[in-house]
Protein backbone atom coordinates (compact mmCIF):
# COMPACT_ATOMS: atom_id res chain seq x y z
CA MET A 1 -0.04 0.02 0.00
CA ARG A 2 1.32 3.49 -0.71
CA VAL A 3 0.00 6.50 0.80
CA ILE A 4 0.30 10.30 0.67
CA GLY A 5 0.24 12.16 4.26
CA LEU A 6 -0.51 15.75 4.60
CA GLU A 7 0.39 17.56 7.79
CA THR A 8 -0.84 21.09 8.45
CA SER A 9 -1.85 21.05 12.25
CA CYS A 10 0.06 24.32 13.02
CA ASP A 11 2.90 26.08 11.33
CA GLU A 12 4.76 23.64 8.90
CA SER A 13 3.38 22.16 5.72
CA GLY A 14 4.44 18.56 5.37
CA VAL A 15 3.88 15.89 2.65
CA ALA A 16 5.23 12.79 2.19
CA ILE A 17 4.59 9.39 0.60
CA TYR A 18 5.35 5.95 2.26
CA ASP A 19 5.03 2.67 0.99
CA ALA A 20 4.35 -0.46 3.08
CA ARG A 21 6.89 -2.71 1.73
CA GLU A 22 9.58 -0.06 0.47
CA GLY A 23 9.37 2.41 3.16
CA LEU A 24 9.38 6.16 2.96
CA LEU A 25 9.88 6.98 -0.45
CA ALA A 26 10.04 10.95 -0.44
CA GLN A 27 9.03 13.49 1.82
CA ARG A 28 8.63 17.65 1.77
CA LEU A 29 8.44 20.38 4.49
CA HIS A 30 7.91 23.86 4.55
CA SER A 31 8.31 25.64 7.82
CA GLN A 32 6.64 29.17 8.65
CA SER A 33 9.21 29.91 11.60
CA ARG A 34 10.49 33.02 9.77
CA MET A 35 7.01 34.38 8.88
CA HIS A 36 5.80 33.98 12.57
CA ALA A 37 9.07 35.02 14.09
CA GLU A 38 7.85 38.71 13.99
CA TYR A 39 5.07 38.25 16.24
CA ALA A 40 7.02 35.61 18.53
CA GLY A 41 4.44 33.04 17.93
CA VAL A 42 2.11 31.23 15.69
CA VAL A 43 -0.49 33.54 14.23
CA PRO A 44 -3.56 31.27 13.08
CA GLU A 45 -5.03 33.12 10.10
CA LEU A 46 -1.39 33.51 8.68
CA ALA A 47 -0.65 29.98 9.26
CA SER A 48 -3.86 28.71 7.43
CA ARG A 49 -3.22 31.26 4.13
CA ASP A 50 0.26 29.82 3.98
CA HIS A 51 -0.81 26.26 4.04
CA VAL A 52 -3.06 27.14 1.39
CA ARG A 53 -0.18 28.25 -0.92
CA ARG A 54 2.14 25.57 -0.10
CA ILE A 55 0.35 22.25 0.19
CA LEU A 56 -0.61 21.41 -3.54
CA PRO A 57 2.75 22.34 -4.60
CA LEU A 58 4.42 20.28 -2.11
CA VAL A 59 2.30 17.59 -3.17
CA THR A 60 3.58 17.78 -6.77
CA GLU A 61 7.28 17.98 -5.39
CA VAL A 62 6.89 14.92 -3.42
CA MET A 63 5.14 12.60 -6.44
CA ARG A 64 8.09 13.51 -8.66
CA GLU A 65 10.70 12.66 -6.16
CA ALA A 66 9.07 9.61 -5.55
CA GLY A 67 8.73 8.65 -9.07
CA THR A 68 4.99 7.66 -8.68
CA GLY A 69 1.74 8.75 -10.29
CA TRP A 70 -1.68 8.91 -9.26
CA GLY A 71 -2.24 5.31 -10.23
CA GLN A 72 0.04 4.08 -7.77
CA ILE A 73 -1.21 5.85 -4.80
CA ASP A 74 -3.67 3.70 -2.82
CA GLY A 75 -4.89 6.02 -0.28
CA ILE A 76 -4.51 9.48 1.50
CA ALA A 77 -4.12 10.28 5.15
CA TYR A 78 -4.31 13.79 6.55
CA THR A 79 -4.01 15.39 10.03
CA ALA A 80 -7.45 15.89 11.59
CA GLY A 81 -6.48 17.08 15.02
CA PRO A 82 -5.47 18.25 17.32
CA GLY A 83 -4.31 21.71 16.26
CA LEU A 84 -5.23 25.03 14.59
CA VAL A 85 -8.68 24.44 13.30
CA GLY A 86 -7.94 26.73 10.20
CA ALA A 87 -4.77 25.03 9.51
CA LEU A 88 -6.37 21.47 10.05
CA LEU A 89 -8.96 22.46 7.44
CA VAL A 90 -6.58 23.04 4.92
CA GLY A 91 -5.01 19.67 5.04
CA ALA A 92 -8.38 17.86 5.59
CA SER A 93 -10.09 19.58 2.61
CA VAL A 94 -7.11 19.20 0.28
CA GLY A 95 -6.83 15.30 1.31
CA ARG A 96 -10.51 14.72 1.15
CA SER A 97 -10.55 16.72 -2.47
CA LEU A 98 -7.75 14.62 -3.79
CA ALA A 99 -9.11 11.37 -2.61
CA TRP A 100 -12.58 12.11 -3.97
CA SER A 101 -11.48 12.82 -7.26
CA ARG A 102 -9.05 10.31 -7.68
CA GLY A 103 -11.51 7.45 -6.16
CA LEU A 104 -9.23 6.77 -3.30
CA PRO A 105 -9.95 5.95 0.35
CA ALA A 106 -8.96 8.87 2.88
CA VAL A 107 -8.11 8.70 6.58
CA PRO A 108 -8.13 11.19 9.19
CA VAL A 109 -5.01 10.88 11.58
CA HIS A 110 -4.23 11.95 15.08
CA HIS A 111 -1.60 14.20 15.11
CA LEU A 112 0.05 12.84 18.28
CA GLU A 113 -0.44 9.31 17.33
CA GLY A 114 1.92 10.48 14.36
CA HIS A 115 4.40 11.61 16.71
CA LEU A 116 4.39 8.55 18.84
CA LEU A 117 4.94 6.13 15.90
CA ALA A 118 7.41 8.23 14.14
CA ALA A 119 10.12 6.16 15.68
CA LEU A 120 8.75 2.93 13.99
CA LEU A 121 10.15 4.81 10.78
CA GLU A 122 13.53 4.11 11.84
CA ARG A 123 15.83 1.10 12.02
CA PRO A 124 16.04 -0.63 14.45
CA ALA A 125 12.41 -0.16 15.32
CA PRO A 126 11.17 -0.14 18.81
CA VAL A 127 8.71 -3.21 19.41
CA CYS A 128 5.70 -2.56 21.24
CA PRO A 129 4.60 -2.45 24.30
CA PHE A 130 6.84 0.82 25.10
CA VAL A 131 6.66 3.71 27.19
CA ALA A 132 6.47 7.06 25.14
CA LEU A 133 7.57 10.53 26.24
CA LEU A 134 5.87 12.97 24.07
CA VAL A 135 7.38 16.37 24.45
CA SER A 136 6.40 19.50 21.93
CA GLY A 137 5.08 22.97 22.14
CA GLY A 138 1.71 22.05 22.90
CA HIS A 139 1.90 18.57 24.79
CA THR A 140 4.05 16.75 27.52
CA LEU A 141 2.66 13.42 27.81
CA LEU A 142 3.99 9.83 29.55
CA VAL A 143 1.95 7.42 27.37
CA LYS A 144 2.11 3.52 27.65
CA VAL A 145 1.91 2.06 24.02
CA GLU A 146 0.39 -1.64 24.23
CA ARG A 147 0.40 -1.53 20.41
CA ALA A 148 -0.35 0.79 17.50
CA GLY A 149 -3.69 2.75 18.13
CA ARG A 150 -3.87 1.37 21.91
CA TYR A 151 -2.39 4.15 24.12
CA GLU A 152 -2.78 4.71 27.83
CA ILE A 153 -2.23 8.10 29.06
CA ILE A 154 -0.04 7.61 32.60
CA GLY A 155 1.29 11.29 33.07
CA GLU A 156 0.64 14.47 31.67
CA THR A 157 1.64 18.42 32.60
CA LEU A 158 -0.70 20.27 34.82
CA ASP A 159 0.05 23.72 33.02
CA ASP A 160 2.48 24.49 30.40
CA ALA A 161 4.04 22.03 27.83
CA VAL A 162 7.61 21.48 28.03
CA GLY A 163 8.08 23.06 24.61
CA GLU A 164 6.00 26.17 25.57
CA ALA A 165 8.11 26.58 28.69
CA PHE A 166 11.11 26.50 26.51
CA ASP A 167 9.74 29.33 24.23
CA LYS A 168 8.66 31.23 26.98
CA THR A 169 12.15 31.56 28.79
CA ALA A 170 13.71 31.73 25.31
CA THR A 171 11.86 35.03 25.29
CA LEU A 172 12.94 36.24 28.62
CA LEU A 173 16.47 35.84 27.29
CA ASP A 174 15.78 37.65 24.32
CA LEU A 175 16.22 34.89 21.95
CA PRO A 176 14.83 34.58 18.39
CA TYR A 177 11.63 32.52 17.54
CA PRO A 178 11.52 29.59 17.75
CA GLY A 179 12.76 29.73 21.40
CA GLY A 180 13.80 25.83 21.90
CA PRO A 181 16.64 25.35 19.69
CA ALA A 182 18.07 29.10 20.65
CA LEU A 183 17.81 28.25 24.09
CA GLU A 184 19.41 24.86 23.71
CA GLN A 185 22.52 26.39 22.01
CA LEU A 186 22.91 29.23 24.28
CA ALA A 187 22.66 26.48 27.04
CA ARG A 188 26.05 25.07 25.63
CA ALA A 189 27.96 28.31 26.59
CA GLY A 190 26.37 28.31 30.31
CA ASP A 191 28.24 27.34 33.83
CA PRO A 192 26.09 24.31 35.30
CA ALA A 193 27.48 25.42 38.76
CA ARG A 194 26.12 29.05 38.90
CA PHE A 195 22.29 28.75 39.56
CA SER A 196 20.20 25.74 40.46
CA PHE A 197 16.90 25.56 39.46
CA PRO A 198 14.19 23.68 41.17
CA ARG A 199 13.07 20.17 39.61
CA PRO A 200 8.89 20.61 39.74
CA MET A 201 6.91 17.89 41.22
CA VAL A 202 9.85 15.22 41.68
CA ASP A 203 9.27 15.25 45.32
CA ARG A 204 5.83 13.55 45.30
CA PRO A 205 4.95 10.40 43.75
CA GLY A 206 3.34 10.28 40.59
CA LEU A 207 3.87 10.97 36.79
CA GLU A 208 2.57 14.45 36.32
CA PHE A 209 4.60 17.39 35.25
CA SER A 210 4.32 21.20 35.84
CA PHE A 211 6.71 23.70 33.95
CA SER A 212 5.13 26.99 34.55
CA GLY A 213 7.07 27.68 37.85
CA LEU A 214 10.39 27.12 36.18
CA LYS A 215 9.68 30.09 33.78
CA THR A 216 8.80 32.28 36.76
CA PHE A 217 11.83 30.93 38.57
CA ALA A 218 14.03 32.21 35.40
CA ALA A 219 12.06 35.48 35.26
CA ASN A 220 12.75 36.25 39.02
CA THR A 221 16.59 35.27 38.55
CA LEU A 222 16.96 37.62 35.57
CA LEU A 223 15.28 40.20 37.47
CA GLY A 224 17.63 39.63 40.42
CA TYR A 225 20.90 40.02 38.33
CA ARG A 226 19.23 43.06 36.22
CA HIS A 227 21.90 45.24 37.20
CA ALA A 228 24.76 42.50 36.22
CA SER A 229 27.55 43.78 34.14
CA ASP A 230 28.16 40.21 32.34
CA ARG A 231 24.49 40.12 30.64
CA ASP A 232 25.74 37.82 27.95
CA ARG A 233 27.13 35.36 30.63
CA LEU A 234 24.07 35.42 32.88
CA ARG A 235 21.98 34.54 30.03
CA ALA A 236 23.96 31.65 29.01
CA ASP A 237 23.84 30.57 32.72
CA VAL A 238 20.35 30.86 33.02
CA ALA A 239 19.59 28.93 29.80
CA ARG A 240 21.65 26.15 31.11
CA ALA A 241 20.22 26.02 34.63
CA PHE A 242 16.90 26.07 33.00
CA GLN A 243 17.49 23.23 30.74
CA ASP A 244 19.23 21.08 33.26
CA ALA A 245 16.35 21.05 35.43
CA VAL A 246 13.73 20.29 32.33
CA VAL A 247 16.41 17.19 31.49
CA ASP A 248 16.41 16.36 34.89
CA THR A 249 12.78 16.31 35.94
CA LEU A 250 11.82 14.48 32.74
CA ALA A 251 14.30 11.84 33.22
CA ILE A 252 12.99 11.36 36.86
CA LYS A 253 9.43 11.16 35.53
CA CYS A 254 10.70 8.68 32.69
CA ARG A 255 12.44 6.23 35.07
CA ARG A 256 9.43 6.13 37.31
CA ALA A 257 7.18 5.30 34.15
CA LEU A 258 9.40 2.42 33.06
CA ARG A 259 9.77 1.09 36.84
CA ALA A 260 5.87 1.44 37.15
CA THR A 261 4.86 -0.29 33.88
CA ARG A 262 7.90 -2.67 34.04
CA LEU A 263 8.59 -2.02 30.43
CA SER A 264 12.24 -1.58 29.52
CA ARG A 265 11.78 0.49 26.16
CA LEU A 266 11.37 4.15 25.91
CA VAL A 267 10.68 6.16 22.77
CA VAL A 268 10.80 9.90 22.84
CA ALA A 269 8.65 11.87 20.52
CA GLY A 270 7.86 15.49 19.56
CA GLY A 271 9.99 18.50 18.90
CA VAL A 272 11.44 18.85 22.12
CA GLY A 273 12.75 15.39 21.64
CA ALA A 274 15.50 16.84 19.41
CA ASN A 275 17.29 18.32 22.34
CA ARG A 276 20.85 16.77 22.57
CA ALA A 277 20.94 17.03 26.08
CA LEU A 278 17.81 15.46 26.88
CA ARG A 279 18.52 12.72 24.14
CA GLN A 280 21.86 11.93 26.12
CA ARG A 281 20.38 11.87 29.50
CA LEU A 282 17.48 9.63 28.47
CA THR A 283 19.75 7.15 26.49
CA GLU A 284 21.78 6.77 29.59
CA LEU A 285 18.78 6.36 31.94
CA ALA A 286 17.27 3.58 29.56
CA ARG A 287 20.63 1.67 29.80
CA GLU A 288 20.85 1.99 33.43
CA GLU A 289 17.28 0.55 33.64
CA GLY A 290 18.22 -2.37 31.63
CA GLY A 291 16.59 -1.34 28.40
CA GLU A 292 16.95 0.82 25.65
CA ALA A 293 15.69 4.53 24.33
CA PHE A 294 14.57 5.20 20.77
CA PHE A 295 14.33 8.59 18.90
CA PRO A 296 13.41 9.29 15.66
CA ARG A 297 15.73 11.52 13.64
CA ALA A 298 15.72 15.01 14.41
CA GLU A 299 13.50 15.93 11.03
CA PHE A 300 10.92 13.68 12.08
CA CYS A 301 10.37 15.11 15.94
CA THR A 302 9.07 18.27 14.69
CA ASP A 303 5.75 18.01 12.74
CA ASN A 304 6.26 16.32 9.43
CA GLY A 305 4.16 14.62 6.73
CA ALA A 306 6.07 11.36 6.84
CA MET A 307 4.77 10.51 10.29
CA ILE A 308 1.19 11.02 9.07
CA ALA A 309 1.67 8.90 6.02
CA PHE A 310 3.02 6.22 8.28
CA ALA A 311 0.19 6.34 10.68
CA GLY A 312 -2.53 6.69 7.81
CA CYS A 313 -0.79 3.76 6.11
CA LEU A 314 -1.40 1.34 9.19
CA ARG A 315 -4.89 2.51 9.78
CA LEU A 316 -5.77 1.90 6.00
CA GLN A 317 -4.33 -1.02 5.84
CA GLY A 318 -6.58 -2.09 9.19
CA GLY A 319 -9.26 -1.21 6.76
CA GLU A 320 -10.09 2.26 8.48
CA TRP A 321 -11.24 5.08 6.25
CA THR A 322 -14.02 7.52 5.90
CA ARG A 323 -16.73 8.10 3.40
CA GLY A 324 -17.52 11.61 2.14
CA GLY A 325 -17.08 14.73 4.22
CA PHE A 326 -14.55 15.46 6.68
CA ASP A 327 -14.33 16.65 10.31
CA VAL A 328 -11.39 18.55 12.15
CA ARG A 329 -10.77 18.76 15.95
CA ALA A 330 -8.95 21.21 17.60
CA ARG A 331 -8.57 19.00 20.88
CA TRP A 332 -8.78 15.26 20.35
CA PRO A 333 -8.26 12.85 23.53
CA LEU A 334 -5.49 10.67 22.39
CA ASP A 335 -6.77 7.61 24.57
CA ALA A 336 -10.13 7.77 22.48
CA LEU A 337 -8.59 6.27 19.47
CA GLN A 338 -9.31 2.81 18.23
CA ALA A 339 -6.73 0.18 18.16
CA ILE A 340 -5.45 -0.31 14.75
CA ALA A 341 -6.37 -3.55 13.08
CA PRO A 342 -3.78 -6.06 12.04
CA GLY A 343 -3.39 -5.14 8.05
């Protein structure tokens, strides 16, 4: 089965073609980060309009790169949520229209399911069951993945997602948008011994997270040193202390999750999963627990069409598709999904 995947949930237009036997054949991604940088965040109306301009040319480019024609396409997958409604409508309407015009089945894909399964595009791929840490700008979840489509959320953030905390702290440090990668780069020059930030909610049992207080702690630290002459050094040291606190907190909760579920495999997904310090720490942690950590390549951590094409292919192989019409959801509980039937 050969499937086109369309991703338009937020500020990146992604298109890919995945073949069940041959793997990923081609992909293209257009990021809107430069356009939104002026506003230090995503402007939904601008995002939607840009998706309209980009999505069909990307489809053409991907099909050319894959050397495939419409006669070789067996289905179309599109992100139906969660995300920005206007942006989701672009991908859904284009996906459904292409499917209708070509007489192909179409399947809506849950954006977070795409992220959770992205590591399965790599070799070696993790084998279910496993614990997944999903960390992005909008979500921070610990998920027990029994098998594709069957997910149990065992921990989540009570306030800011970790990616959101990165972006807010980056703004305090006068870093460009998107803030996560810029903060990571600045943290490399920081002194790990100068400041010690709290590790929120690690002094109590459970797998919940809270990151809004870390942003406030960073703001208060900067305020307390507002007259310091070494402004550049201060910014780097605060960035390092913030990142160390986030990485430690995530590692502590992941260790708890592995022990609570008695699983040995840890999958890390989402944009923050590209952070090198986090990757190194969680790789070491999984090894200490007698298991292994799995990460998608950096380009598959952020939003992309490949993960949607792959997840859509699994669901189409399982006989799942929609007849006419479409619906998108700004919010869509991950654990409400049905398990994917064996294809």
